């Protein structure tokens, strides 16, 4: 019986998840992202919407001249050159000291910690093109209206 319980817990954490917007907003707020480095909760949810569409299993490939030079992982699309090690990207900086595959499951605690690390760099949220192109310098006040937070 104990083995079955342990296996079900491990599978729950290891499996990917696609969040609903308001569900994610509550998780992000509960993990201290509302106002983190002066970015509102709406900015964080907007970032996730345009980077991964709320999917913890998202992987994006970055190509130069048709060759993959790095990849982006998880709900925040954490980059393998700068922030994590995927075992494929050359000269990774791995500033979050994580394996990139750690960002592909339903437990986004480590993703959030790494996203905080990214935002503490001088670029802030400008490190993410999804945020830059869709959320930056926009009125996002309506973004979470239906969430009743």
N, C-alpha and C. Protein backbone atom coordinates (compact mmCIF):
# COMPACT_ATOMS: atom_id res chain seq x y z
N UNK A 1 0.82 -1.20 0.00
CA UNK A 1 0.00 0.00 0.00
C UNK A 1 0.86 1.26 0.00
N UNK A 2 1.95 1.26 0.80
CA UNK A 2 2.84 2.41 0.84
C UNK A 2 3.50 2.64 -0.51
N UNK A 3 3.87 1.57 -1.19
CA UNK A 3 4.51 1.70 -2.49
C UNK A 3 3.56 2.34 -3.50
N UNK A 4 2.31 1.93 -3.47
CA UNK A 4 1.31 2.51 -4.36
C UNK A 4 1.14 4.01 -4.11
N UNK A 5 1.12 4.40 -2.85
CA UNK A 5 0.99 5.81 -2.49
C UNK A 5 2.21 6.60 -2.96
N UNK A 6 3.39 6.07 -2.74
CA UNK A 6 4.62 6.74 -3.18
C UNK A 6 4.65 6.87 -4.69
N UNK A 7 4.30 5.81 -5.41
CA UNK A 7 4.27 5.87 -6.87
C UNK A 7 3.27 6.90 -7.38
N UNK A 8 2.10 6.98 -6.76
CA UNK A 8 1.11 7.96 -7.22
C UNK A 8 1.58 9.39 -6.97
N UNK A 9 2.27 9.62 -5.86
CA UNK A 9 2.83 10.96 -5.59
C UNK A 9 3.91 11.29 -6.60
N UNK A 10 4.81 10.34 -6.87
CA UNK A 10 5.87 10.58 -7.85
C UNK A 10 5.31 10.85 -9.24
N UNK A 11 4.31 10.10 -9.65
CA UNK A 11 3.70 10.33 -10.95
C UNK A 11 3.02 11.68 -11.03
N UNK A 12 2.39 12.11 -9.96
CA UNK A 12 1.71 13.41 -9.94
C UNK A 12 2.71 14.54 -10.14
N UNK A 13 3.88 14.42 -9.53
CA UNK A 13 4.90 15.46 -9.66
C UNK A 13 5.61 15.38 -11.00
N UNK A 14 5.82 14.16 -11.50
CA UNK A 14 6.59 13.97 -12.73
C UNK A 14 5.80 14.27 -13.99
N UNK A 15 4.49 14.30 -13.91
CA UNK A 15 3.70 14.50 -15.11
C UNK A 15 3.54 15.98 -15.42
N UNK A 16 3.46 16.30 -16.71
CA UNK A 16 3.26 17.70 -17.10
C UNK A 16 1.83 18.16 -16.79
N UNK A 17 1.64 19.46 -16.84
CA UNK A 17 0.32 20.04 -16.55
C UNK A 17 0.12 21.27 -17.41
N UNK A 18 -1.09 21.44 -17.87
CA UNK A 18 -1.49 22.68 -18.53
C UNK A 18 -2.42 23.40 -17.55
N UNK A 19 -1.96 24.54 -17.05
CA UNK A 19 -2.71 25.30 -16.06
C UNK A 19 -3.83 26.09 -16.72
N UNK A 20 -4.86 26.36 -15.94
CA UNK A 20 -5.84 27.37 -16.30
C UNK A 20 -5.27 28.71 -15.81
N UNK A 21 -5.59 29.79 -16.47
CA UNK A 21 -5.00 31.08 -16.15
C UNK A 21 -5.16 31.47 -14.68
N UNK A 22 -6.35 31.39 -14.16
CA UNK A 22 -6.59 31.83 -12.78
C UNK A 22 -5.95 30.88 -11.77
N UNK A 23 -5.93 29.61 -12.08
CA UNK A 23 -5.25 28.62 -11.24
C UNK A 23 -3.77 28.97 -11.14
N UNK A 24 -3.16 29.26 -12.28
CA UNK A 24 -1.75 29.63 -12.29
C UNK A 24 -1.51 30.92 -11.53
N UNK A 25 -2.38 31.89 -11.70
CA UNK A 25 -2.24 33.18 -11.00
C UNK A 25 -2.20 32.96 -9.50
N UNK A 26 -3.03 32.07 -8.99
CA UNK A 26 -3.04 31.78 -7.55
C UNK A 26 -1.72 31.14 -7.11
N UNK A 27 -1.20 30.22 -7.92
CA UNK A 27 0.06 29.56 -7.59
C UNK A 27 1.21 30.57 -7.61
N UNK A 28 1.24 31.42 -8.62
CA UNK A 28 2.32 32.41 -8.73
C UNK A 28 2.25 33.41 -7.57
N UNK A 29 1.05 33.85 -7.25
CA UNK A 29 0.89 34.77 -6.12
C UNK A 29 1.32 34.10 -4.81
N UNK A 30 0.95 32.85 -4.63
CA UNK A 30 1.32 32.11 -3.44
C UNK A 30 2.82 31.89 -3.31
N UNK A 31 3.53 31.99 -4.42
CA UNK A 31 4.99 31.83 -4.43
C UNK A 31 5.73 33.16 -4.53
N UNK A 32 5.03 34.23 -4.22
CA UNK A 32 5.68 35.53 -4.08
C UNK A 32 6.00 36.29 -5.36
N UNK A 33 5.34 35.97 -6.46
CA UNK A 33 5.66 36.68 -7.70
C UNK A 33 4.89 37.99 -7.88
N UNK A 34 3.77 38.17 -7.20
CA UNK A 34 3.03 39.43 -7.35
C UNK A 34 3.85 40.57 -6.75
N UNK A 35 4.38 41.41 -7.61
CA UNK A 35 5.22 42.53 -7.18
C UNK A 35 6.71 42.21 -7.13
N UNK A 36 7.09 40.98 -7.43
CA UNK A 36 8.50 40.62 -7.39
C UNK A 36 9.28 41.44 -8.41
N UNK A 37 10.27 42.13 -7.93
CA UNK A 37 11.09 43.06 -8.73
C UNK A 37 10.21 44.05 -9.49
N UNK A 38 9.15 44.47 -8.85
CA UNK A 38 8.22 45.49 -9.35
C UNK A 38 7.38 45.01 -10.55
N UNK A 39 7.28 43.71 -10.76
CA UNK A 39 6.42 43.19 -11.82
C UNK A 39 5.13 42.66 -11.20
N UNK A 40 4.01 43.14 -11.70
CA UNK A 40 2.70 42.72 -11.18
C UNK A 40 2.42 41.27 -11.53
N UNK A 41 1.48 40.69 -10.83
CA UNK A 41 1.05 39.33 -11.12
C UNK A 41 0.56 39.22 -12.56
N UNK A 42 -0.12 40.24 -13.05
CA UNK A 42 -0.61 40.23 -14.43
C UNK A 42 0.55 40.11 -15.42
N UNK A 43 1.68 40.74 -15.13
CA UNK A 43 2.85 40.60 -16.00
C UNK A 43 3.35 39.16 -16.04
N UNK A 44 3.38 38.51 -14.89
CA UNK A 44 3.85 37.13 -14.84
C UNK A 44 2.91 36.20 -15.59
N UNK A 45 1.62 36.36 -15.41
CA UNK A 45 0.66 35.50 -16.10
C UNK A 45 0.69 35.77 -17.60
N UNK A 46 0.82 37.02 -17.99
CA UNK A 46 0.94 37.37 -19.40
C UNK A 46 2.18 36.72 -20.01
N UNK A 47 3.29 36.80 -19.30
CA UNK A 47 4.53 36.17 -19.76
C UNK A 47 4.31 34.68 -20.03
N UNK A 48 3.72 33.99 -19.07
CA UNK A 48 3.50 32.55 -19.21
C UNK A 48 2.54 32.25 -20.36
N UNK A 49 1.51 33.07 -20.51
CA UNK A 49 0.57 32.84 -21.61
C UNK A 49 1.28 32.86 -22.95
N UNK A 50 2.13 33.85 -23.16
CA UNK A 50 2.77 34.00 -24.46
C UNK A 50 4.04 33.16 -24.63
N UNK A 51 4.62 32.69 -23.55
CA UNK A 51 5.79 31.83 -23.66
C UNK A 51 5.43 30.37 -23.83
N UNK A 52 4.49 29.86 -23.01
CA UNK A 52 4.20 28.42 -23.03
C UNK A 52 2.73 28.07 -23.12
N UNK A 53 1.87 29.08 -23.13
CA UNK A 53 0.43 28.87 -23.10
C UNK A 53 0.03 28.00 -21.90
N UNK A 54 0.70 28.27 -20.76
CA UNK A 54 0.41 27.63 -19.47
C UNK A 54 0.79 26.15 -19.41
N UNK A 55 1.62 25.68 -20.32
CA UNK A 55 1.98 24.26 -20.42
C UNK A 55 3.35 24.02 -19.79
N UNK A 56 3.39 23.21 -18.74
CA UNK A 56 4.66 22.93 -18.08
C UNK A 56 5.58 22.05 -18.92
N UNK A 57 5.05 21.41 -19.94
CA UNK A 57 5.83 20.50 -20.78
C UNK A 57 6.32 21.14 -22.08
N UNK A 58 6.17 22.45 -22.20
CA UNK A 58 6.55 23.14 -23.44
C UNK A 58 8.07 23.16 -23.61
N UNK A 59 8.49 22.92 -24.85
CA UNK A 59 9.91 23.04 -25.21
C UNK A 59 9.97 23.83 -26.51
N UNK A 60 10.77 24.88 -26.51
CA UNK A 60 10.98 25.69 -27.71
C UNK A 60 12.43 25.53 -28.16
N UNK A 61 12.63 25.44 -29.44
CA UNK A 61 13.98 25.28 -30.00
C UNK A 61 14.42 26.59 -30.65
N UNK A 62 15.63 27.02 -30.35
CA UNK A 62 16.20 28.24 -30.92
C UNK A 62 17.26 27.84 -31.94
N UNK A 63 17.06 28.28 -33.16
CA UNK A 63 17.94 27.87 -34.26
C UNK A 63 18.73 29.06 -34.82
N UNK A 64 19.92 28.75 -35.27
CA UNK A 64 20.74 29.71 -36.00
C UNK A 64 21.25 28.98 -37.23
N UNK A 65 20.89 29.49 -38.40
CA UNK A 65 21.25 28.85 -39.67
C UNK A 65 20.76 27.41 -39.72
N UNK A 66 19.57 27.16 -39.16
CA UNK A 66 18.95 25.85 -39.18
C UNK A 66 19.44 24.88 -38.11
N UNK A 67 20.40 25.29 -37.31
CA UNK A 67 20.95 24.42 -36.27
C UNK A 67 20.44 24.87 -34.91
N UNK A 68 20.00 23.92 -34.09
CA UNK A 68 19.54 24.25 -32.74
C UNK A 68 20.74 24.70 -31.90
N UNK A 69 20.65 25.92 -31.37
CA UNK A 69 21.74 26.46 -30.55
C UNK A 69 21.38 26.47 -29.06
N UNK A 70 20.10 26.46 -28.75
CA UNK A 70 19.63 26.36 -27.37
C UNK A 70 18.15 26.00 -27.41
N UNK A 71 17.63 25.67 -26.24
CA UNK A 71 16.21 25.34 -26.14
C UNK A 71 15.63 26.01 -24.90
N UNK A 72 14.32 26.19 -24.91
CA UNK A 72 13.60 26.82 -23.80
C UNK A 72 12.66 25.78 -23.20
N UNK A 73 12.61 25.73 -21.86
CA UNK A 73 11.93 24.64 -21.17
C UNK A 73 10.88 25.12 -20.18
N UNK A 74 9.75 24.42 -20.19
CA UNK A 74 8.75 24.57 -19.16
C UNK A 74 7.84 25.77 -19.31
N UNK A 75 7.11 26.02 -18.26
CA UNK A 75 6.06 27.03 -18.25
C UNK A 75 6.59 28.44 -18.48
N UNK A 76 7.83 28.70 -18.02
CA UNK A 76 8.46 30.01 -18.23
C UNK A 76 9.41 30.02 -19.43
N UNK A 77 9.59 28.87 -20.07
CA UNK A 77 10.53 28.75 -21.19
C UNK A 77 11.93 29.21 -20.77
N UNK A 78 12.49 28.49 -19.80
CA UNK A 78 13.82 28.75 -19.26
C UNK A 78 14.86 28.30 -20.29
N UNK A 79 15.77 29.19 -20.65
CA UNK A 79 16.72 28.94 -21.74
C UNK A 79 17.92 28.10 -21.29
N UNK A 80 18.27 27.13 -22.13
CA UNK A 80 19.35 26.19 -21.83
C UNK A 80 20.75 26.79 -21.96
N UNK A 81 20.89 27.87 -22.65
CA UNK A 81 22.22 28.49 -22.73
C UNK A 81 22.53 29.25 -21.45
N UNK A 82 21.56 30.02 -20.98
CA UNK A 82 21.79 30.87 -19.82
C UNK A 82 21.45 30.24 -18.49
N UNK A 83 20.36 29.49 -18.40
CA UNK A 83 19.77 29.21 -17.10
C UNK A 83 19.74 27.77 -16.65
N UNK A 84 19.81 26.81 -17.56
CA UNK A 84 19.77 25.39 -17.16
C UNK A 84 20.63 24.57 -18.10
N UNK A 85 20.86 23.32 -17.73
CA UNK A 85 21.71 22.44 -18.54
C UNK A 85 20.85 21.33 -19.12
N UNK A 86 20.81 21.24 -20.44
CA UNK A 86 20.04 20.18 -21.09
C UNK A 86 20.94 19.08 -21.65
N UNK A 87 22.24 19.20 -21.44
CA UNK A 87 23.17 18.19 -21.93
C UNK A 87 23.43 18.28 -23.43
N UNK A 88 22.84 19.26 -24.10
CA UNK A 88 23.00 19.41 -25.54
C UNK A 88 23.54 20.77 -25.94
N UNK A 89 23.20 21.79 -25.17
CA UNK A 89 23.61 23.15 -25.50
C UNK A 89 25.07 23.36 -25.13
N UNK A 90 25.85 23.85 -26.08
CA UNK A 90 27.27 24.08 -25.85
C UNK A 90 27.49 25.28 -24.93
N UNK A 91 28.47 25.18 -24.07
CA UNK A 91 28.89 26.28 -23.20
C UNK A 91 27.78 26.86 -22.34
N UNK A 92 26.88 26.01 -21.86
CA UNK A 92 25.78 26.49 -21.02
C UNK A 92 26.31 27.21 -19.78
N UNK A 93 25.64 28.27 -19.40
CA UNK A 93 26.00 29.02 -18.19
C UNK A 93 25.34 28.43 -16.95
N UNK A 94 24.16 27.81 -17.13
CA UNK A 94 23.41 27.13 -16.07
C UNK A 94 23.34 27.95 -14.78
N UNK A 95 22.91 29.19 -14.90
CA UNK A 95 22.88 30.11 -13.76
C UNK A 95 21.85 29.74 -12.69
N UNK A 96 20.89 28.88 -13.03
CA UNK A 96 19.95 28.40 -12.02
C UNK A 96 20.40 27.08 -11.42
N UNK A 97 21.49 26.52 -11.92
CA UNK A 97 22.05 25.27 -11.41
C UNK A 97 21.02 24.14 -11.42
N UNK A 98 20.35 24.00 -12.56
CA UNK A 98 19.30 22.99 -12.71
C UNK A 98 19.46 22.25 -14.02
N UNK A 99 18.95 21.03 -14.06
CA UNK A 99 18.78 20.29 -15.29
C UNK A 99 17.52 20.84 -15.95
N UNK A 100 17.56 21.12 -17.23
CA UNK A 100 16.40 21.71 -17.92
C UNK A 100 15.16 20.83 -17.83
N UNK A 101 15.33 19.52 -17.81
CA UNK A 101 14.18 18.62 -17.72
C UNK A 101 13.42 18.78 -16.41
N UNK A 102 14.07 19.35 -15.39
CA UNK A 102 13.39 19.61 -14.11
C UNK A 102 12.25 20.61 -14.28
N UNK A 103 12.25 21.36 -15.38
CA UNK A 103 11.22 22.38 -15.61
C UNK A 103 10.04 21.85 -16.43
N UNK A 104 9.99 20.55 -16.67
CA UNK A 104 8.96 19.99 -17.54
C UNK A 104 7.88 19.20 -16.80
N UNK A 105 7.75 19.41 -15.50
CA UNK A 105 6.74 18.66 -14.75
C UNK A 105 5.74 19.61 -14.10
N UNK A 106 4.81 19.03 -13.38
CA UNK A 106 3.72 19.83 -12.79
C UNK A 106 4.16 20.61 -11.54
N UNK A 107 5.30 20.25 -10.96
CA UNK A 107 5.81 20.99 -9.81
C UNK A 107 6.62 22.18 -10.33
N UNK A 108 6.03 23.36 -10.28
CA UNK A 108 6.70 24.53 -10.87
C UNK A 108 7.45 25.37 -9.83
N UNK A 109 7.67 24.81 -8.66
CA UNK A 109 8.40 25.53 -7.62
C UNK A 109 9.80 25.91 -8.09
N UNK A 110 10.52 24.96 -8.68
CA UNK A 110 11.87 25.25 -9.16
C UNK A 110 11.84 26.19 -10.37
N UNK A 111 10.81 26.09 -11.19
CA UNK A 111 10.65 27.01 -12.32
C UNK A 111 10.52 28.44 -11.81
N UNK A 112 9.71 28.60 -10.79
CA UNK A 112 9.48 29.94 -10.21
C UNK A 112 10.78 30.50 -9.64
N UNK A 113 11.53 29.68 -8.93
CA UNK A 113 12.80 30.15 -8.37
C UNK A 113 13.76 30.57 -9.47
N UNK A 114 13.81 29.81 -10.55
CA UNK A 114 14.69 30.18 -11.66
C UNK A 114 14.19 31.44 -12.36
N UNK A 115 12.88 31.58 -12.54
CA UNK A 115 12.32 32.79 -13.15
C UNK A 115 12.66 34.02 -12.31
N UNK A 116 12.63 33.87 -11.00
CA UNK A 116 13.04 34.98 -10.12
C UNK A 116 14.50 35.34 -10.36
N UNK A 117 15.32 34.32 -10.56
CA UNK A 117 16.75 34.55 -10.83
C UNK A 117 16.92 35.30 -12.16
N UNK A 118 16.17 34.91 -13.17
CA UNK A 118 16.23 35.58 -14.47
C UNK A 118 15.88 37.05 -14.32
N UNK A 119 14.81 37.34 -13.60
CA UNK A 119 14.31 38.71 -13.45
C UNK A 119 15.27 39.58 -12.64
N UNK A 120 16.05 38.97 -11.77
CA UNK A 120 17.02 39.75 -10.99
C UNK A 120 18.18 40.24 -11.86
N UNK A 121 18.38 39.65 -13.03
CA UNK A 121 19.40 40.14 -13.95
C UNK A 121 18.96 41.48 -14.53
N UNK A 122 19.90 42.25 -15.05
CA UNK A 122 19.56 43.59 -15.56
C UNK A 122 18.45 43.62 -16.60
N UNK A 123 18.30 42.58 -17.41
CA UNK A 123 17.25 42.58 -18.43
C UNK A 123 15.85 42.50 -17.85
N UNK A 124 15.72 41.95 -16.65
CA UNK A 124 14.40 41.75 -16.08
C UNK A 124 13.55 40.88 -16.99
N UNK A 125 12.29 41.22 -17.15
CA UNK A 125 11.40 40.42 -17.99
C UNK A 125 11.69 40.58 -19.49
N UNK A 126 12.53 41.54 -19.83
CA UNK A 126 12.91 41.68 -21.23
C UNK A 126 13.73 40.49 -21.72
N UNK A 127 14.13 39.61 -20.82
CA UNK A 127 14.81 38.37 -21.20
C UNK A 127 13.88 37.45 -22.00
N UNK A 128 12.57 37.65 -21.88
CA UNK A 128 11.60 36.82 -22.58
C UNK A 128 10.96 37.61 -23.72
N UNK A 129 11.10 37.10 -24.94
CA UNK A 129 10.50 37.77 -26.10
C UNK A 129 8.98 37.74 -26.05
N UNK A 130 8.40 36.68 -25.50
CA UNK A 130 6.94 36.62 -25.38
C UNK A 130 6.40 37.77 -24.55
N UNK A 131 7.08 38.09 -23.46
CA UNK A 131 6.68 39.21 -22.63
C UNK A 131 6.97 40.53 -23.33
N UNK A 132 8.16 40.62 -23.89
CA UNK A 132 8.60 41.84 -24.58
C UNK A 132 7.62 42.25 -25.68
N UNK A 133 7.18 41.27 -26.47
CA UNK A 133 6.34 41.55 -27.64
C UNK A 133 4.85 41.65 -27.34
N UNK A 134 4.41 41.12 -26.20
CA UNK A 134 2.97 41.06 -25.94
C UNK A 134 2.50 41.69 -24.64
N UNK A 135 3.42 41.94 -23.72
CA UNK A 135 3.02 42.40 -22.39
C UNK A 135 3.68 43.72 -21.98
N UNK A 136 4.91 43.94 -22.42
CA UNK A 136 5.68 45.11 -21.98
C UNK A 136 4.98 46.41 -22.39
N UNK A 137 4.97 47.35 -21.47
CA UNK A 137 4.41 48.69 -21.72
C UNK A 137 2.95 48.65 -22.18
N UNK A 138 2.22 47.66 -21.70
CA UNK A 138 0.79 47.56 -22.02
C UNK A 138 0.00 47.60 -20.72
N UNK A 139 -1.22 48.06 -20.82
CA UNK A 139 -2.11 48.05 -19.67
C UNK A 139 -2.62 46.62 -19.50
N UNK A 140 -2.17 45.96 -18.45
CA UNK A 140 -2.57 44.59 -18.18
C UNK A 140 -3.57 44.53 -17.02
N UNK A 141 -4.08 45.67 -16.62
CA UNK A 141 -4.96 45.73 -15.44
C UNK A 141 -6.18 44.83 -15.59
N UNK A 142 -6.65 44.62 -16.80
CA UNK A 142 -7.82 43.78 -17.05
C UNK A 142 -7.47 42.30 -17.15
N UNK A 143 -6.21 41.99 -17.20
CA UNK A 143 -5.72 40.66 -17.53
C UNK A 143 -6.25 39.57 -16.59
N UNK A 144 -6.40 39.90 -15.31
CA UNK A 144 -6.82 38.92 -14.32
C UNK A 144 -8.20 39.19 -13.74
N UNK A 145 -8.98 40.05 -14.40
CA UNK A 145 -10.29 40.44 -13.88
C UNK A 145 -11.17 39.23 -13.51
N UNK A 146 -11.20 38.24 -14.38
CA UNK A 146 -12.09 37.11 -14.14
C UNK A 146 -11.59 36.17 -13.04
N UNK A 147 -10.40 36.41 -12.53
CA UNK A 147 -9.82 35.52 -11.51
C UNK A 147 -10.27 35.85 -10.09
N UNK A 148 -10.75 37.05 -9.86
CA UNK A 148 -11.25 37.45 -8.53
C UNK A 148 -10.20 37.20 -7.44
N UNK A 149 -9.03 37.72 -7.67
CA UNK A 149 -7.94 37.53 -6.70
C UNK A 149 -7.95 38.62 -5.64
